Protein backbone atom coordinates (compact mmCIF):
# COMPACT_ATOMS: atom_id res chain seq x y z
CA MET A 1 21.36 -64.12 -79.07
CA ASP A 2 22.09 -65.91 -75.76
CA PHE A 3 24.82 -63.71 -75.59
CA GLY A 4 22.70 -61.07 -76.10
CA PHE A 5 20.98 -62.13 -73.18
CA PHE A 6 23.78 -62.35 -71.00
CA SER A 7 25.48 -58.86 -72.33
CA LEU A 8 22.23 -57.18 -70.97
CA SER A 9 21.42 -58.67 -67.64
CA LEU A 10 25.17 -57.72 -66.79
CA VAL A 11 24.76 -54.24 -67.39
CA ALA A 12 21.30 -54.10 -65.17
CA SER A 13 22.58 -56.00 -62.65
CA PHE A 14 26.07 -54.26 -61.79
CA ALA A 15 23.35 -50.79 -62.42
CA PHE A 16 21.15 -52.73 -59.89
CA VAL A 17 23.74 -53.97 -57.48
CA ARG A 18 25.94 -50.71 -58.14
CA LEU A 19 22.41 -48.38 -57.13
CA VAL A 20 21.44 -51.07 -54.18
CA THR A 21 24.84 -51.28 -52.22
CA GLU A 22 24.95 -46.77 -52.15
CA GLN A 23 22.30 -47.16 -51.33
CA THR A 24 22.07 -49.41 -47.67
CA ASP A 25 24.45 -50.41 -45.35
CA PHE A 26 24.14 -53.58 -44.83
CA HIS A 27 27.44 -56.06 -44.48
CA LEU A 28 27.61 -60.06 -43.32
CA ARG A 29 30.83 -59.77 -41.11
CA PHE A 30 32.22 -62.95 -39.49
CA LYS A 31 35.15 -63.34 -36.97
CA GLY A 32 37.11 -60.69 -39.08
CA LEU A 33 35.65 -61.94 -42.38
CA TRP A 34 33.94 -59.66 -44.67
CA ILE A 35 31.54 -61.45 -47.18
CA HIS A 36 30.95 -58.83 -49.71
CA HIS A 37 28.53 -59.03 -52.42
CA TRP A 38 30.98 -60.59 -55.03
CA ILE A 39 31.80 -63.78 -53.63
CA LEU A 40 28.41 -64.22 -52.68
CA ALA A 41 27.94 -64.11 -56.50
CA ALA A 42 31.05 -65.99 -56.84
CA VAL A 43 29.37 -69.21 -55.14
CA ALA A 44 26.34 -68.67 -57.00
CA MET A 45 28.00 -69.20 -60.15
CA LEU A 46 29.68 -72.48 -58.95
CA ILE A 47 26.52 -74.02 -57.83
CA LEU A 48 25.25 -73.50 -61.30
CA ILE A 49 28.18 -74.73 -62.72
CA VAL A 50 28.00 -77.47 -60.59
CA ALA A 51 24.36 -77.66 -60.86
CA GLN A 52 25.01 -77.87 -65.34
CA ILE A 53 22.80 -74.53 -65.38
CA GLU A 54 23.52 -72.75 -68.04
CA HIS A 55 21.27 -69.92 -68.83
CA PRO A 56 22.46 -66.73 -70.22
CA ILE A 57 20.55 -63.90 -67.85
CA VAL A 58 21.36 -65.57 -64.69
CA TRP A 59 25.03 -65.48 -65.48
CA GLY A 60 25.18 -62.51 -66.48
CA ALA A 61 23.31 -60.90 -63.59
CA LEU A 62 26.02 -62.76 -61.67
CA THR A 63 28.83 -61.98 -63.52
CA GLY A 64 27.47 -58.29 -63.14
CA ALA A 65 26.97 -58.63 -59.39
CA ALA A 66 30.40 -60.02 -58.71
CA LEU A 67 32.17 -57.12 -61.39
CA ASP A 68 30.53 -54.22 -59.29
CA GLY A 69 31.71 -55.65 -56.06
CA LEU A 70 35.70 -56.75 -57.84
CA ILE A 71 36.22 -52.44 -58.93
CA ARG A 72 35.17 -51.43 -55.72
CA LYS A 73 38.24 -49.48 -53.23
CA ASN A 74 36.95 -52.58 -50.67
CA TRP A 75 36.77 -55.40 -51.55
CA SER A 76 39.68 -57.63 -49.33
CA ILE A 77 37.88 -60.46 -47.12
CA ILE A 78 39.71 -59.33 -44.03
CA ASP A 79 37.53 -57.15 -42.38
CA ARG A 80 39.33 -54.01 -41.00
């Protein structure tokens, strides 16, 4: 059942992040670097690995957020 919760949270977070990013124009930019939501999700995943947190809904949500960012046309960290 954990795989089911993971899958559902992945799909739901992917759709939610897509909706939010399409409706807002908020960006984190620092000295030529663009911090995308896929980077923030990956950092959160690293923290979860270190903390040994294995909750499938949390992992599914972070995976969905990261995948949404990576499929975008402009996902580079260099701000142009």
